[in-house]
Protein backbone atom coordinates (compact mmCIF):
# COMPACT_ATOMS: atom_id res chain seq x y z
CA MET A 1 0.00 0.00 0.00
CA ASP A 2 1.37 3.42 -0.91
CA LEU A 3 1.94 6.00 1.81
CA SER A 4 -0.82 8.36 0.69
CA SER A 5 -3.44 5.60 0.78
CA LYS A 6 -2.28 4.49 4.21
CA LYS A 7 -2.36 8.05 5.52
CA GLU A 8 -5.88 8.48 4.18
CA LEU A 9 -6.96 5.32 6.00
CA GLU A 10 -5.24 6.38 9.22
CA ILE A 11 -7.06 9.73 9.15
CA TYR A 12 -10.40 8.02 8.54
CA ALA A 13 -9.79 5.44 11.30
CA THR A 14 -8.84 8.19 13.75
CA LYS A 15 -12.05 10.08 12.95
CA ILE A 16 -14.00 6.86 13.49
CA ARG A 17 -12.36 6.48 16.91
CA MET A 18 -13.23 10.07 17.79
CA GLY A 19 -16.81 9.39 16.69
CA ILE A 20 -16.93 6.34 18.97
CA ILE A 21 -15.82 8.39 21.97
CA GLU A 22 -18.19 11.24 21.05
CA GLY A 23 -21.15 8.89 20.77
CA THR A 24 -20.58 6.83 23.90
CA TYR A 25 -19.75 9.88 26.01
CA ASN A 26 -22.93 11.68 25.01
CA ALA A 27 -24.98 8.51 25.46
CA LYS A 28 -23.45 7.82 28.88
CA ALA A 29 -23.55 4.20 27.73
CA GLY A 30 -22.35 1.91 24.96
CA HIS A 31 -19.45 -0.29 23.95
CA PRO A 32 -16.26 1.61 23.15
CA GLY A 33 -13.69 -1.19 23.61
CA GLY A 34 -14.66 -3.51 20.76
CA SER A 35 -15.67 -0.57 18.57
CA LEU A 36 -12.17 0.89 18.87
CA SER A 37 -10.45 -2.44 18.14
CA SER A 38 -12.50 -2.70 14.92
CA ALA A 39 -12.02 0.89 13.74
CA ASP A 40 -9.23 0.07 11.29
CA LEU A 41 -11.32 -2.70 9.75
CA PHE A 42 -14.31 -0.35 9.40
CA ALA A 43 -12.06 2.22 7.73
CA TYR A 44 -10.68 -0.26 5.20
CA LEU A 45 -14.08 -1.75 4.39
CA TYR A 46 -15.74 1.57 3.65
CA ASP A 47 -12.76 3.32 2.04
CA LYS A 48 -11.19 0.54 -0.04
CA GLU A 49 -13.07 -2.72 -0.06
CA MET A 50 -16.85 -2.49 -0.36
CA ARG A 51 -18.99 -1.31 -3.26
CA TYR A 52 -21.77 1.00 -2.10
CA ARG A 53 -23.38 4.37 -2.72
CA ALA A 54 -23.77 6.61 0.31
CA ASP A 55 -26.37 8.69 -1.53
CA GLU A 56 -28.28 5.53 -2.47
CA PRO A 57 -28.03 3.26 0.59
CA LYS A 58 -30.46 0.68 -0.84
CA TRP A 59 -28.62 0.36 -4.18
CA GLU A 60 -29.50 -3.18 -5.22
CA ASP A 61 -26.03 -4.23 -6.39
CA ARG A 62 -24.11 -3.00 -3.35
CA ASP A 63 -21.93 -5.28 -1.27
CA ARG A 64 -23.48 -6.08 2.11
CA PHE A 65 -22.04 -5.71 5.59
CA VAL A 66 -23.52 -7.33 8.69
CA LEU A 67 -22.22 -6.27 12.09
CA SER A 68 -22.79 -9.57 13.84
CA LYS A 69 -21.30 -8.14 17.05
CA GLY A 70 -24.03 -5.53 17.01
CA HIS A 71 -23.07 -3.87 20.30
CA CYS A 72 -20.14 -2.30 18.45
CA ALA A 73 -22.58 -0.05 16.59
CA PRO A 74 -20.74 3.13 17.69
CA GLY A 75 -17.86 2.18 15.38
CA LEU A 76 -20.07 1.35 12.43
CA TYR A 77 -22.13 4.51 12.90
CA ALA A 78 -18.98 6.64 12.88
CA ALA A 79 -17.70 4.91 9.74
CA LEU A 80 -21.01 5.53 7.96
CA ALA A 81 -21.29 9.13 9.12
CA TYR A 82 -17.83 10.06 7.86
CA LYS A 83 -18.73 8.60 4.45
CA GLY A 84 -21.85 10.75 4.17
CA PHE A 85 -24.65 8.32 5.01
CA PHE A 86 -25.92 10.75 7.67
CA PRO A 87 -24.60 13.84 9.51
CA VAL A 88 -21.55 13.37 11.74
CA GLU A 89 -23.21 15.65 14.30
CA ASP A 90 -25.90 12.99 14.83
CA LEU A 91 -23.34 10.70 16.46
CA LYS A 92 -23.92 12.74 19.63
CA THR A 93 -27.50 11.43 19.77
CA LEU A 94 -26.42 7.79 20.24
CA ARG A 95 -28.90 5.87 22.44
CA HIS A 96 -30.97 8.99 23.15
CA ILE A 97 -34.75 8.66 23.27
CA GLY A 98 -36.10 9.43 19.82
CA SER A 99 -32.73 9.06 18.07
CA TYR A 100 -32.44 6.78 15.07
CA LEU A 101 -28.97 5.78 16.30
CA GLN A 102 -29.82 3.25 18.97
CA GLY A 103 -27.48 0.95 20.91
CA HIS A 104 -27.68 -1.76 18.25
CA PRO A 105 -28.02 -1.27 14.47
CA ASN A 106 -31.54 -0.90 13.07
CA MET A 107 -31.87 -1.42 9.32
CA ASN A 108 -35.26 0.32 9.34
CA THR A 109 -33.96 3.64 10.66
CA VAL A 110 -30.25 3.97 9.90
CA PRO A 111 -29.03 4.58 6.32
CA GLY A 112 -26.31 2.08 5.39
CA ILE A 113 -27.32 -0.64 7.86
CA ASP A 114 -28.04 -3.88 5.99
CA MET A 115 -29.24 -5.93 8.97
CA SER A 116 -30.58 -5.27 12.46
CA THR A 117 -28.28 -7.09 14.88
CA GLY A 118 -27.61 -7.43 18.57
CA SER A 119 -28.35 -11.01 19.56
CA LEU A 120 -24.88 -12.50 19.31
CA GLY A 121 -24.41 -15.30 16.79
CA GLN A 122 -27.36 -14.38 14.60
CA GLY A 123 -25.68 -11.87 12.31
CA VAL A 124 -23.36 -14.36 10.65
CA SER A 125 -26.34 -16.60 9.87
CA VAL A 126 -28.05 -13.72 8.10
CA ALA A 127 -24.85 -12.86 6.24
CA ALA A 128 -24.58 -16.45 5.01
CA GLY A 129 -28.18 -16.26 3.84
CA MET A 130 -27.46 -13.03 1.98
CA ALA A 131 -24.46 -14.63 0.28
CA LYS A 132 -26.59 -17.61 -0.74
CA ALA A 133 -29.27 -15.29 -2.11
CA ALA A 134 -26.71 -13.39 -4.17
CA LYS A 135 -25.52 -16.68 -5.65
CA TYR A 136 -29.09 -17.75 -6.39
CA MET A 137 -29.77 -14.46 -8.19
CA ASN A 138 -26.44 -14.57 -10.07
CA LYS A 139 -25.43 -11.25 -8.52
CA ASP A 140 -21.79 -10.19 -8.21
CA ILE A 141 -22.22 -9.23 -4.55
CA ASN A 142 -19.86 -9.91 -1.67
CA VAL A 143 -21.12 -10.18 1.88
CA TYR A 144 -18.92 -9.23 4.83
CA THR A 145 -19.66 -9.89 8.48
CA LEU A 146 -17.77 -8.95 11.64
CA LEU A 147 -17.88 -11.14 14.73
CA GLY A 148 -16.20 -10.93 18.11
CA ASP A 149 -14.03 -13.69 19.54
CA GLY A 150 -16.39 -13.93 22.48
CA GLU A 151 -19.32 -14.17 20.09
CA ILE A 152 -17.99 -17.28 18.37
CA GLU A 153 -18.65 -19.18 21.59
CA GLU A 154 -22.25 -19.27 20.30
CA GLY A 155 -23.20 -22.56 18.63
CA GLN A 156 -25.27 -20.85 15.94
CA VAL A 157 -22.07 -19.36 14.52
CA TRP A 158 -20.73 -22.80 13.67
CA GLU A 159 -24.04 -23.87 12.12
CA ALA A 160 -23.70 -20.85 9.82
CA PHE A 161 -20.16 -21.90 8.96
CA MET A 162 -21.45 -25.37 8.00
CA PHE A 163 -24.06 -23.72 5.79
CA ALA A 164 -21.38 -21.58 4.11
CA LYS A 165 -19.32 -24.64 3.25
CA GLN A 166 -22.34 -26.69 2.14
CA TYR A 167 -23.28 -24.06 -0.45
CA ASN A 168 -19.70 -23.02 -1.30
CA LEU A 169 -20.24 -19.37 -0.45
CA ASP A 170 -17.00 -17.98 -1.82
CA ASN A 171 -18.66 -14.54 -1.78
CA LEU A 172 -18.83 -14.62 2.04
CA CYS A 173 -16.04 -13.03 4.09
CA VAL A 174 -16.22 -13.73 7.82
CA ILE A 175 -14.07 -11.40 9.94
CA ILE A 176 -13.37 -12.29 13.56
CA ASP A 177 -12.12 -9.53 15.84
CA CYS A 178 -9.85 -11.38 18.26
CA ASN A 179 -9.08 -8.78 20.90
CA GLY A 180 -8.98 -11.46 23.58
CA LEU A 181 -11.54 -9.89 25.91
CA GLN A 182 -15.29 -10.21 26.41
CA ILE A 183 -17.68 -8.70 28.94
CA ASP A 184 -16.85 -11.18 31.73
CA GLY A 185 -13.09 -11.29 31.24
CA PRO A 186 -10.45 -12.86 28.99
CA CYS A 187 -11.95 -15.17 26.36
CA SER A 188 -9.35 -17.77 27.29
CA GLU A 189 -10.82 -17.97 30.79
CA VAL A 190 -14.54 -17.57 30.03
CA MET A 191 -14.84 -20.07 27.16
CA SER A 192 -11.91 -20.43 24.80
CA ALA A 193 -12.74 -20.99 21.13
CA GLU A 194 -9.15 -21.83 20.26
CA PRO A 195 -7.75 -23.13 17.99
CA ILE A 196 -9.90 -20.88 15.80
CA ASP A 197 -7.76 -21.36 12.69
CA GLU A 198 -7.85 -25.16 12.82
CA LYS A 199 -11.59 -25.18 13.45
CA LEU A 200 -12.23 -22.93 10.46
CA LYS A 201 -10.10 -25.19 8.29
CA ALA A 202 -12.08 -28.21 9.49
CA PHE A 203 -15.29 -26.39 8.59
CA GLY A 204 -14.07 -25.92 5.02
CA PHE A 205 -12.94 -22.31 5.12
CA ASP A 206 -9.92 -20.66 3.64
CA TYR A 207 -8.52 -18.27 6.25
CA THR A 208 -5.72 -15.95 7.17
CA VAL A 209 -4.47 -14.66 10.53
CA ILE A 210 -3.41 -11.01 10.63
CA ASP A 211 -2.69 -7.98 12.78
CA GLY A 212 -6.10 -6.35 12.50
CA ASN A 213 -4.75 -2.92 13.39
CA ASP A 214 -2.33 -2.90 10.42
CA PHE A 215 -3.62 -1.66 7.08
CA ASP A 216 -1.09 -3.52 4.96
CA ALA A 217 -2.13 -6.75 6.66
CA ILE A 218 -5.82 -5.97 6.16
CA GLU A 219 -5.23 -5.24 2.48
CA GLY A 220 -3.37 -8.54 2.07
CA ALA A 221 -6.19 -10.44 3.76
CA PHE A 222 -8.82 -9.09 1.40
CA ASP A 223 -6.58 -9.86 -1.59
CA LYS A 224 -6.59 -13.49 -0.42
CA PHE A 225 -10.37 -13.42 -0.05
CA HIS A 226 -10.81 -12.33 -3.65
CA LYS A 227 -8.55 -15.13 -4.87
CA SER A 228 -10.23 -17.87 -2.83
CA ASP A 229 -12.84 -20.29 -4.14
CA LYS A 230 -14.15 -21.13 -0.66
CA PRO A 231 -15.88 -19.27 2.17
CA PHE A 232 -13.17 -17.07 3.64
CA ALA A 233 -12.32 -15.98 7.18
CA ILE A 234 -10.02 -13.25 8.44
CA ILE A 235 -8.85 -13.82 12.00
CA MET A 236 -7.82 -10.36 13.21
CA LYS A 237 -5.59 -10.06 16.24
CA THR A 238 -6.42 -6.63 17.66
CA VAL A 239 -6.12 -4.48 20.77
CA LYS A 240 -9.37 -3.82 22.59
CA GLY A 241 -9.74 -0.08 23.14
CA LYS A 242 -7.09 0.63 20.47
CA GLY A 243 -6.13 4.30 20.23
CA VAL A 244 -7.15 5.43 23.72
CA SER A 245 -4.34 4.84 26.20
CA TYR A 246 -6.35 4.03 29.31
CA MET A 247 -8.81 1.78 27.44
CA GLU A 248 -6.29 -0.47 25.68
CA ASN A 249 -6.48 -4.12 26.80
CA GLN A 250 -8.80 -3.21 29.68
CA VAL A 251 -11.82 -5.51 29.93
CA GLY A 252 -13.74 -2.90 31.93
CA TRP A 253 -14.12 -0.79 28.79
CA HIS A 254 -16.13 -3.47 27.00
CA GLY A 255 -19.41 -1.82 27.87
CA LYS A 256 -19.16 1.50 29.69
CA ALA A 257 -18.89 5.11 28.62
CA PRO A 258 -16.16 7.61 29.49
CA ASN A 259 -16.96 10.33 32.00
CA GLU A 260 -16.11 13.97 31.26
CA ASP A 261 -12.47 13.76 32.34
CA GLU A 262 -11.95 10.47 30.47
CA TYR A 263 -13.69 11.93 27.41
CA ASN A 264 -11.35 14.93 27.41
CA ILE A 265 -8.27 12.72 27.70
CA ALA A 266 -9.41 10.42 24.88
CA MET A 267 -10.32 13.26 22.54
CA ALA A 268 -7.04 15.06 23.26
CA GLU A 269 -5.05 11.91 22.46
CA LEU A 270 -6.97 11.19 19.26
CA GLY A 271 -7.04 14.86 18.29
CA ALA A 272 -3.24 15.00 18.54
CA VAL A 273 -2.95 11.95 16.29
CA LEU A 274 -5.33 13.49 13.76
CA LYS A 275 -3.47 16.83 13.79
CA GLU A 276 -0.18 15.10 13.09
CA LEU A 277 -1.69 13.00 10.28
CA GLU A 278 -3.29 16.04 8.64
CA ALA A 279 -0.19 18.25 8.96
């Protein structure tokens, strides 16, 4: 990846992270940790990878994205807002009564949301169904879905993986955000899903394991997806709370909002990064 493209992505990802902090702070609730770990993935998807039209969110031939870990809506909302799906200022209304930006994505109210999600494990099943439908209709449409490593403890996830293999859904890209932490603690202690790579292989997937906070690695992973003739999985090793010093690798930031002092620290840190990138 050339330096200008990487810089563009870094600026976008930093704005997404600022949007996450803005939204959760104003909501006094939400899930910043896993949203921040996924910010680089959101940036790459919506800047480089997916085909869509922000001014025509229901464009029939668009690629689809399903946020299976729906509680990380603050990250997806910020990614969509900074691509023009709706005003960035509306991020401040997250979870407010009457706001269309609720705690989990709602496809009926939010432009750019392809599936309402929140119940963990269900999103990947829907994504597999979308991929099958695209095949049935002979549409050149790719379907992307993002799961958490805690989420893949759900049995329904593996049923969806069986479905993907059964119908050879090579237009399905499953992305697993492996930040190592879930609401109750380290995934390794709550209910380890390891070895994830060997299990995916046994389920008939092609896969790659990458640093999910590195844009060159993300680009390489999607190149492999496009060359594969099987359902494809990207296992992303990430840092929960990435980009905010006091949130990084801290399980407590899975599902709570920053207070005013914490908000100011986070925005100052991210603002400094953005200023340097834009200089």
